[in-house]
Amino acid sequence: MSKKRKGPSRFATLKAKPPFFWIKNGLIITVTLWLAWLSFIHAVANITWDQNPDTALYYVPDHPLALSRKADELFAAKQDPATLAKVEAMAKQSLRGGALNPVAIRLLGYVADARGDIKKARELMQLSHKVSRRDFGTQLWLIEDAVRRDDKKQALYHYDIAMRTTPSSFPILFPTLTGALSDPEVRVALAPIVRQAPVWLPAYLGDAINTAENPANIAEVLVKAGGLPDDESYRNLSNALLAQLAAKNKFPAFRQYYLTLKGARAATFQSASLTKDTVNLPYTSAGWQVVENPAIGGAFSQPDSKGRFSLSAFAGSGERGEVMRKILILPPGNYRFQALYSAQEGVSDAEVRWDLQCFAPAGNVSKWFVSSPVRQGNFTQSQDFSLGNDCRNQLLVLQAAGGSNQLGAEFTLRAVNISKR
């Protein structure tokens, strides 16, 4: 039986390959490794250029974004002639690698500005602005340039762009913008922007209302803008603004702003009655405000057929404090105050007290007060008073004391009224 003939070994097959085969495959492997290395270093550079431009430039020395980021760091640290020259060179190298780089263009503008060439700097900043509106440094320079030229409308234009595209700008721009509202021209120029309800507006108003030295400036802008959108978030902001206007005795602005709000009525300011004009208003700062307190408080009933409310109030044993309050803007004149109550049980040392205060910059001043014990059944209070020009804005406060009764005191405020006499 004959033996099978063995074929050539794999090694022998490879050995038989011509030299061109080895050269071709060697080149393929080399190119593949080189491309893999290039992919690796560019991936590292693309990941690290923003947070660590030095690492990106170590792997890819001409990476356009890393060059502009590093140049930005150098300029922020120092602006001496040598650094300016280095920043300029890096910015130009960055543009050779990526012409549409707003940061590099902005840096060339910075360098021109630092060298005193404002015209060239402005041209470069405008070019950077055209390339991208998202570069905050460009918008900030254009804001400052517009302020230097006293072009408030242009400054606000760039404020708007910066805040629309760069929310991280809020802590920098909000305080400056709020301070600028003391200028009437700024208030006029800002109103058309506010009318568009830009995305930054709720955040800005929340900050400005709490920090503005004069919240009347904010109210004026909103009035000129035609008011805010009618939704819950903006209603909360309007309430906060009204509260600040009252707290800082800005009652002309308080009244003017409130009357621009949906459903507002002038009668709200001249009425203490428990009606739809004063109770459960969407803008609570203008109506009756019940104080939240677990020991003393009250709740309004549903309105009756004539639209009148009543208030069920209570005060715990030994407790004394405010139940509710309301801002009034009564003109000078002679008035009569009246209140009607009912109680299931009388408590001799429990008390219902009304206090009318005049708002004043140095603090509220009590104009009059009237008090009476909580009596079983129906009981009333009344007080005649006069108001002069020294008390144009008032605060009416209802207080209660629970007395020594173990269960405290409960009563119902059926009606309250202030009328001319």
Protein backbone atom coordinates (compact mmCIF):
# COMPACT_ATOMS: atom_id res chain seq x y z
CA MET A 1 0.00 0.00 0.00
CA SER A 2 1.54 3.35 -1.09
CA LYS A 3 1.98 6.32 1.33
CA LYS A 4 0.09 9.61 0.76
CA ARG A 5 2.18 12.44 -0.55
CA LYS A 6 2.38 15.44 1.84
CA GLY A 7 1.67 18.96 0.45
CA PRO A 8 4.09 21.86 0.94
CA SER A 9 4.16 23.29 4.49
CA ARG A 10 2.67 26.76 5.24
CA PHE A 11 6.13 28.07 5.99
CA ALA A 12 7.33 26.79 2.69
CA THR A 13 4.37 28.44 0.96
CA LEU A 14 5.16 31.83 2.54
CA LYS A 15 8.85 31.39 1.75
CA ALA A 16 7.93 30.93 -1.84
CA LYS A 17 6.13 34.30 -2.00
CA PRO A 18 7.83 36.91 -4.17
CA PRO A 19 9.53 39.98 -2.52
CA PHE A 20 6.76 42.26 -3.78
CA PHE A 21 4.26 40.41 -1.55
CA TRP A 22 6.28 41.21 1.55
CA ILE A 23 6.84 44.82 0.58
CA LYS A 24 3.11 45.35 -0.09
CA ASN A 25 1.99 43.77 3.17
CA GLY A 26 4.64 45.61 5.13
CA LEU A 27 3.39 48.90 3.73
CA ILE A 28 -0.23 47.97 4.56
CA ILE A 29 0.67 47.13 8.16
CA THR A 30 2.75 50.30 8.55
CA VAL A 31 0.01 52.52 7.13
CA THR A 32 -2.61 50.79 9.26
CA LEU A 33 -0.57 51.32 12.42
CA TRP A 34 0.13 54.92 11.45
CA LEU A 35 -3.56 55.60 10.83
CA ALA A 36 -4.47 53.94 14.13
CA TRP A 37 -1.93 56.15 15.91
CA LEU A 38 -3.29 59.26 14.21
CA SER A 39 -6.83 58.28 15.17
CA PHE A 40 -5.73 57.74 18.75
CA ILE A 41 -3.89 61.05 19.20
CA HIS A 42 -6.65 63.05 17.52
CA ALA A 43 -9.26 61.33 19.67
CA VAL A 44 -7.27 62.27 22.77
CA ALA A 45 -6.89 65.85 21.53
CA ASN A 46 -10.58 66.15 20.69
CA ILE A 47 -11.51 64.94 24.15
CA THR A 48 -9.02 67.04 26.15
CA TRP A 49 -8.68 70.31 24.23
CA ASP A 50 -11.21 72.26 26.29
CA GLN A 51 -10.31 71.10 29.80
CA ASN A 52 -6.64 70.36 29.23
CA PRO A 53 -5.28 72.05 26.08
CA ASP A 54 -1.67 71.23 27.05
CA THR A 55 -2.40 67.51 26.75
CA ALA A 56 -4.16 68.02 23.42
CA LEU A 57 -1.24 70.05 22.06
CA TYR A 58 1.26 67.43 23.28
CA TYR A 59 -0.36 64.88 20.97
CA VAL A 60 -1.49 67.25 18.18
CA PRO A 61 0.62 70.44 18.25
CA ASP A 62 -1.48 72.15 15.58
CA HIS A 63 -4.94 71.25 16.96
CA PRO A 64 -6.96 74.42 16.15
CA LEU A 65 -9.32 74.36 19.13
CA ALA A 66 -6.61 73.49 21.63
CA LEU A 67 -4.43 76.31 20.26
CA SER A 68 -7.22 78.88 20.72
CA ARG A 69 -8.07 77.51 24.17
CA LYS A 70 -4.44 77.70 25.30
CA ALA A 71 -4.07 81.18 23.82
CA ASP A 72 -7.20 82.23 25.73
CA GLU A 73 -5.58 81.03 28.97
CA LEU A 74 -2.36 82.89 28.21
CA PHE A 75 -4.19 86.15 27.48
CA ALA A 76 -6.23 85.87 30.67
CA ALA A 77 -3.04 85.41 32.70
CA LYS A 78 -0.95 88.24 31.22
CA GLN A 79 -1.07 90.92 28.52
CA ASP A 80 2.57 91.99 28.23
CA PRO A 81 4.02 92.45 24.70
CA ALA A 82 5.66 89.03 24.63
CA THR A 83 2.47 87.26 25.66
CA LEU A 84 0.40 89.27 23.18
CA ALA A 85 2.76 88.22 20.39
CA LYS A 86 2.48 84.57 21.43
CA VAL A 87 -1.31 84.76 21.69
CA GLU A 88 -1.49 86.37 18.25
CA ALA A 89 0.70 83.68 16.71
CA MET A 90 -1.30 80.86 18.28
CA ALA A 91 -4.60 82.44 17.21
CA LYS A 92 -3.40 82.77 13.62
CA GLN A 93 -2.12 79.18 13.62
CA SER A 94 -5.51 78.09 14.96
CA LEU A 95 -7.28 79.90 12.12
CA ARG A 96 -5.06 78.21 9.55
CA GLY A 97 -6.35 74.90 10.85
CA GLY A 98 -9.96 76.01 11.21
CA ALA A 99 -10.97 79.32 9.70
CA LEU A 100 -14.38 79.46 11.40
CA ASN A 101 -13.06 79.64 14.96
CA PRO A 102 -14.74 82.52 16.82
CA VAL A 103 -12.42 82.18 19.83
CA ALA A 104 -9.30 82.65 17.70
CA ILE A 105 -10.85 85.64 15.93
CA ARG A 106 -11.88 87.11 19.28
CA LEU A 107 -8.35 86.69 20.62
CA LEU A 108 -6.95 88.63 17.67
CA GLY A 109 -9.48 91.31 18.59
CA TYR A 110 -8.28 91.24 22.20
CA VAL A 111 -4.70 91.66 21.05
CA ALA A 112 -5.65 94.60 18.81
CA ASP A 113 -7.56 96.19 21.69
CA ALA A 114 -4.62 95.71 24.08
CA ARG A 115 -2.37 97.42 21.53
CA GLY A 116 -4.76 100.35 21.28
CA ASP A 117 -6.20 99.61 17.84
CA ILE A 118 -9.91 99.83 18.75
CA LYS A 119 -11.06 100.03 15.13
CA LYS A 120 -9.33 96.77 14.20
CA ALA A 121 -10.50 95.17 17.46
CA ARG A 122 -14.11 96.12 16.73
CA GLU A 123 -13.92 94.70 13.21
CA LEU A 124 -12.52 91.41 14.50
CA MET A 125 -15.12 91.18 17.26
CA GLN A 126 -17.92 91.79 14.79
CA LEU A 127 -16.46 89.03 12.61
CA SER A 128 -16.32 86.68 15.61
CA HIS A 129 -19.94 87.59 16.38
CA LYS A 130 -20.96 86.73 12.80
CA VAL A 131 -19.16 83.38 12.94
CA SER A 132 -20.84 82.37 16.20
CA ARG A 133 -23.08 84.07 18.71
CA ARG A 134 -22.24 81.51 21.37
CA ASP A 135 -18.81 82.88 22.31
CA PHE A 136 -19.39 84.72 25.58
CA GLY A 137 -16.07 86.56 25.47
CA THR A 138 -17.05 88.16 22.17
CA GLN A 139 -20.45 89.23 23.44
CA LEU A 140 -18.94 90.63 26.63
CA TRP A 141 -16.43 92.73 24.67
CA LEU A 142 -19.16 94.02 22.37
CA ILE A 143 -21.28 94.93 25.41
CA GLU A 144 -18.41 96.88 26.95
CA ASP A 145 -17.62 98.54 23.61
CA ALA A 146 -21.25 99.65 23.22
CA VAL A 147 -21.21 101.04 26.76
CA ARG A 148 -18.02 102.98 25.96
CA ARG A 149 -19.80 104.50 22.98
CA ASP A 150 -22.92 105.14 25.11
CA ASP A 151 -24.93 102.97 22.72
CA LYS A 152 -27.31 101.46 25.26
CA LYS A 153 -29.56 99.83 22.70
CA GLN A 154 -26.61 97.98 21.15
CA ALA A 155 -25.32 96.96 24.57
CA LEU A 156 -28.69 95.44 25.43
CA TYR A 157 -28.77 93.68 22.06
CA HIS A 158 -25.58 91.84 23.00
CA TYR A 159 -26.82 91.26 26.56
CA ASP A 160 -29.82 89.49 25.07
CA ILE A 161 -27.70 87.32 22.77
CA ALA A 162 -25.29 86.38 25.55
CA MET A 163 -28.06 85.41 27.96
CA ARG A 164 -30.04 83.51 25.32
CA THR A 165 -27.05 81.37 24.28
CA THR A 166 -24.88 81.20 27.41
CA PRO A 167 -26.78 80.52 30.67
CA SER A 168 -23.43 80.49 32.50
CA SER A 169 -23.37 84.24 31.86
CA PHE A 170 -26.28 84.83 34.25
CA PRO A 171 -24.20 85.41 37.43
CA ILE A 172 -22.03 87.91 35.56
CA LEU A 173 -24.67 89.81 33.59
CA PHE A 174 -27.74 89.80 35.86
CA PRO A 175 -26.35 92.13 38.57
CA THR A 176 -24.96 94.57 36.01
CA LEU A 177 -28.22 94.67 34.07
CA THR A 178 -30.26 95.20 37.24
CA GLY A 179 -28.00 98.07 38.28
CA ALA A 180 -28.32 99.62 34.82
CA LEU A 181 -32.12 99.85 35.22
CA SER A 182 -31.62 103.06 37.19
CA ASP A 183 -31.04 104.68 33.76
CA PRO A 184 -34.38 105.62 32.11
CA GLU A 185 -32.91 105.05 28.63
CA VAL A 186 -31.98 101.49 29.57
CA ARG A 187 -35.52 100.83 30.80
CA VAL A 188 -36.96 102.09 27.52
CA ALA A 189 -34.53 100.06 25.41
CA LEU A 190 -35.00 96.87 27.45
CA ALA A 191 -38.82 96.83 27.17
CA PRO A 192 -38.97 95.56 23.54
CA ILE A 193 -36.60 92.73 24.43
CA VAL A 194 -38.70 91.76 27.46
CA ARG A 195 -41.83 91.86 25.28
CA GLN A 196 -40.42 88.88 23.37
CA ALA A 197 -40.32 86.84 26.63
CA PRO A 198 -36.77 85.51 26.02
CA VAL A 199 -35.76 82.25 27.68
CA TRP A 200 -33.62 84.06 30.27
CA LEU A 201 -36.45 86.31 31.49
CA PRO A 202 -37.87 84.14 34.34
CA ALA A 203 -34.41 83.54 35.80
CA TYR A 204 -33.52 87.21 35.45
CA LEU A 205 -36.71 88.47 37.09
CA GLY A 206 -36.31 86.00 39.95
CA ASP A 207 -32.83 87.40 40.59
CA ALA A 208 -33.62 91.07 39.97
CA ILE A 209 -36.76 91.19 42.12
CA ASN A 210 -34.80 89.92 45.11
CA THR A 211 -31.74 92.12 44.61
CA ALA A 212 -32.90 95.38 43.02
CA GLU A 213 -32.43 98.44 45.17
CA ASN A 214 -35.46 99.99 43.49
CA PRO A 215 -37.95 97.36 42.25
CA ALA A 216 -40.03 100.16 40.70
CA ASN A 217 -37.52 100.14 37.83
CA ILE A 218 -38.37 96.51 37.09
CA ALA A 219 -42.09 97.27 37.25
CA GLU A 220 -41.66 100.15 34.79
CA VAL A 221 -39.89 97.91 32.28
CA LEU A 222 -42.64 95.29 32.53
CA VAL A 223 -45.36 97.92 32.11
CA LYS A 224 -43.61 99.34 29.03
CA ALA A 225 -43.24 95.78 27.68
CA GLY A 226 -47.00 95.24 27.91
CA GLY A 227 -46.88 92.83 30.84
CA LEU A 228 -45.79 89.23 31.30
CA PRO A 229 -47.32 86.05 29.85
CA ASP A 230 -50.34 84.85 31.83
CA ASP A 231 -49.09 81.59 33.32
CA GLU A 232 -48.38 80.37 36.82
CA SER A 233 -44.61 80.88 36.85
CA TYR A 234 -44.95 84.49 35.76
CA ARG A 235 -47.83 85.06 38.21
CA ASN A 236 -45.52 83.98 41.01
CA LEU A 237 -42.93 86.48 39.79
CA SER A 238 -45.54 89.24 39.63
CA ASN A 239 -46.60 88.45 43.19
CA ALA A 240 -42.97 88.57 44.33
CA LEU A 241 -42.50 91.92 42.57
CA LEU A 242 -45.65 93.36 44.17
CA ALA A 243 -44.45 92.21 47.58
CA GLN A 244 -41.09 93.91 47.06
CA LEU A 245 -42.72 97.11 45.83
CA ALA A 246 -44.84 97.21 48.99
CA ALA A 247 -41.91 96.36 51.25
CA LYS A 248 -39.92 99.27 49.80
CA ASN A 249 -42.85 101.72 49.84
CA LYS A 250 -43.06 101.98 46.04
CA PHE A 251 -46.84 102.29 46.00
CA PRO A 252 -47.32 104.33 42.82
CA ALA A 253 -45.41 101.58 40.99
CA PHE A 254 -47.28 98.92 43.00
CA ARG A 255 -50.64 100.29 41.88
CA GLN A 256 -49.57 100.92 38.29
CA TYR A 257 -48.08 97.46 37.87
CA TYR A 258 -50.99 95.65 39.51
CA LEU A 259 -53.50 97.33 37.21
CA THR A 260 -51.68 95.94 34.16
CA LEU A 261 -52.29 92.36 35.35
CA LYS A 262 -55.12 90.24 34.00
CA GLY A 263 -58.31 90.60 36.06
CA ALA A 264 -56.98 93.47 38.19
CA ARG A 265 -59.47 96.11 39.36
CA ALA A 266 -58.83 99.56 40.83
CA ALA A 267 -61.53 98.87 43.46
CA THR A 268 -59.17 96.35 45.07
CA PHE A 269 -57.09 99.14 46.59
CA GLN A 270 -60.02 101.09 48.06
CA SER A 271 -62.05 98.23 49.49
CA ALA A 272 -61.70 96.18 52.66
CA SER A 273 -64.87 94.16 51.94
CA LEU A 274 -64.71 90.40 51.62
CA THR A 275 -65.60 90.13 47.93
CA LYS A 276 -64.12 88.85 44.67
CA ASP A 277 -62.20 92.14 44.42
CA THR A 278 -60.19 91.35 47.55
CA VAL A 279 -60.39 87.60 48.35
CA ASN A 280 -58.56 84.68 46.68
CA LEU A 281 -56.98 86.91 44.07
CA PRO A 282 -54.50 85.41 41.58
CA TYR A 283 -52.12 88.18 42.71
CA THR A 284 -52.38 87.78 46.45
CA SER A 285 -50.20 90.74 47.37
CA ALA A 286 -53.02 93.13 46.40
CA GLY A 287 -55.82 91.34 48.27
CA TRP A 288 -56.49 89.87 51.69
CA GLN A 289 -53.53 87.74 52.76
CA VAL A 290 -54.14 85.15 55.46
CA VAL A 291 -51.07 84.51 57.58
CA GLU A 292 -49.96 80.88 57.79
CA ASN A 293 -49.57 79.98 61.45
CA PRO A 294 -50.58 76.67 63.11
CA ALA A 295 -51.63 78.47 66.32
CA ILE A 296 -53.52 81.40 64.78
CA GLY A 297 -55.19 81.62 61.38
CA GLY A 298 -58.29 81.50 59.28
CA ALA A 299 -59.86 80.30 56.07
CA PHE A 300 -62.31 81.92 53.68
CA SER A 301 -65.66 80.33 52.89
CA GLN A 302 -67.05 79.80 49.44
CA PRO A 303 -68.78 82.95 48.15
CA ASP A 304 -72.53 83.27 48.68
CA SER A 305 -75.05 84.13 45.95
CA LYS A 306 -74.00 87.78 46.13
CA GLY A 307 -70.29 87.03 45.83
CA ARG A 308 -69.53 87.73 49.51
CA PHE A 309 -67.08 85.71 51.58
CA SER A 310 -66.72 85.13 55.32
CA LEU A 311 -63.61 84.20 57.32
CA SER A 312 -63.56 81.41 59.91
CA ALA A 313 -60.77 82.36 62.32
CA PHE A 314 -59.19 80.79 65.39
CA ALA A 315 -56.54 81.50 68.00
CA GLY A 316 -55.10 78.88 70.32
CA SER A 317 -55.13 79.20 74.09
CA GLY A 318 -52.62 81.82 75.20
CA GLU A 319 -51.77 82.73 71.60
CA ARG A 320 -51.84 86.22 70.11
CA GLY A 321 -50.93 87.27 66.59
CA GLU A 322 -51.90 88.30 63.09
CA VAL A 323 -54.69 86.56 61.19
CA MET A 324 -54.67 88.47 57.91
CA ARG A 325 -53.69 91.78 56.30
CA LYS A 326 -54.48 93.94 53.31
CA ILE A 327 -52.84 96.87 51.55
CA LEU A 328 -55.10 99.89 50.96
CA ILE A 329 -54.55 103.03 48.92
CA LEU A 330 -57.28 105.31 50.28
CA PRO A 331 -57.19 108.98 49.29
CA PRO A 332 -57.28 111.67 51.99
CA GLY A 333 -60.72 112.01 53.60
CA ASN A 334 -63.01 110.95 56.44
CA TYR A 335 -63.92 107.27 56.78
CA ARG A 336 -65.83 104.78 58.90
CA PHE A 337 -64.60 101.27 59.55
CA GLN A 338 -67.10 98.51 60.48
CA ALA A 339 -66.77 94.76 61.11
CA LEU A 340 -69.42 92.15 61.88
CA TYR A 341 -68.73 88.83 63.66
CA SER A 342 -70.41 85.79 65.12
CA ALA A 343 -69.15 83.20 67.60
CA GLN A 344 -70.58 79.96 68.97
CA GLU A 345 -68.97 80.56 72.34
CA GLY A 346 -67.74 83.69 74.05
CA VAL A 347 -64.30 83.89 75.66
CA SER A 348 -64.01 86.93 77.90
CA ASP A 349 -60.25 87.36 77.64
CA ALA A 350 -60.05 86.40 73.95
CA GLU A 351 -59.78 89.39 71.66
CA VAL A 352 -60.31 90.56 68.10
CA ARG A 353 -58.24 93.61 67.15
CA TRP A 354 -57.95 95.73 64.02
CA ASP A 355 -54.98 97.98 63.36
CA LEU A 356 -54.71 100.53 60.52
CA GLN A 357 -51.11 101.47 59.80
CA CYS A 358 -49.60 104.11 57.54
CA PHE A 359 -46.68 102.96 55.40
CA ALA A 360 -43.57 105.07 55.96
CA PRO A 361 -39.92 104.67 54.86
CA ALA A 362 -38.75 104.47 58.47
CA GLY A 363 -41.38 101.86 59.35
CA ASN A 364 -45.15 101.57 59.59
CA VAL A 365 -46.96 103.94 61.94
CA SER A 366 -50.24 102.91 63.57
CA LYS A 367 -53.06 105.30 62.70
CA TRP A 368 -55.66 103.68 64.96
CA PHE A 369 -56.67 100.37 66.47
CA VAL A 370 -59.91 98.99 67.84
CA SER A 371 -60.39 95.79 69.83
CA SER A 372 -63.18 93.85 71.51
CA PRO A 373 -63.63 90.52 73.32
CA VAL A 374 -64.96 87.48 71.50
CA ARG A 375 -68.64 87.38 72.48
CA GLN A 376 -71.20 84.68 71.92
CA GLY A 377 -73.58 85.38 69.05
CA ASN A 378 -73.25 88.42 66.80
CA PHE A 379 -71.05 91.38 67.70
CA THR A 380 -69.61 94.37 65.85
CA GLN A 381 -66.76 96.87 65.85
CA SER A 382 -66.58 100.33 64.33
CA GLN A 383 -64.09 103.18 64.13
CA ASP A 384 -64.26 106.64 62.56
CA PHE A 385 -61.01 108.06 61.23
CA SER A 386 -59.49 110.63 58.93
CA LEU A 387 -56.60 110.33 56.49
CA GLY A 388 -54.37 113.16 55.30
CA ASN A 389 -51.58 113.50 52.77
CA ASP A 390 -49.16 112.04 55.30
CA CYS A 391 -50.88 108.64 55.04
CA ARG A 392 -51.51 107.91 51.36
CA ASN A 393 -50.86 104.15 51.62
CA GLN A 394 -52.23 101.98 54.40
CA LEU A 395 -52.06 98.48 55.84
CA LEU A 396 -55.14 97.02 57.57
CA VAL A 397 -54.31 94.16 59.93
CA LEU A 398 -56.63 91.72 61.72
CA GLN A 399 -55.20 90.21 64.91
CA ALA A 400 -56.62 87.71 67.39
CA ALA A 401 -55.87 86.45 70.90
CA GLY A 402 -57.08 83.06 72.11
CA GLY A 403 -57.39 83.96 75.81
CA SER A 404 -57.14 81.46 78.63
CA ASN A 405 -59.85 79.08 77.41
CA GLN A 406 -58.36 75.61 77.07
CA LEU A 407 -59.58 75.37 73.46
CA GLY A 408 -58.75 78.95 72.60
CA ALA A 409 -61.26 81.02 70.66
CA GLU A 410 -63.06 80.71 67.34
CA PHE A 411 -65.14 83.29 65.52
CA THR A 412 -66.44 84.10 62.05
CA LEU A 413 -65.80 87.44 60.40
CA ARG A 414 -69.05 87.99 58.51
CA ALA A 415 -68.28 91.36 56.93
CA VAL A 416 -65.80 94.22 57.00
CA ASN A 417 -66.19 97.56 55.33
CA ILE A 418 -64.55 100.98 55.01
CA SER A 419 -66.84 103.73 53.73
CA LYS A 420 -66.58 107.48 53.33
CA ARG A 421 -68.52 109.64 55.79
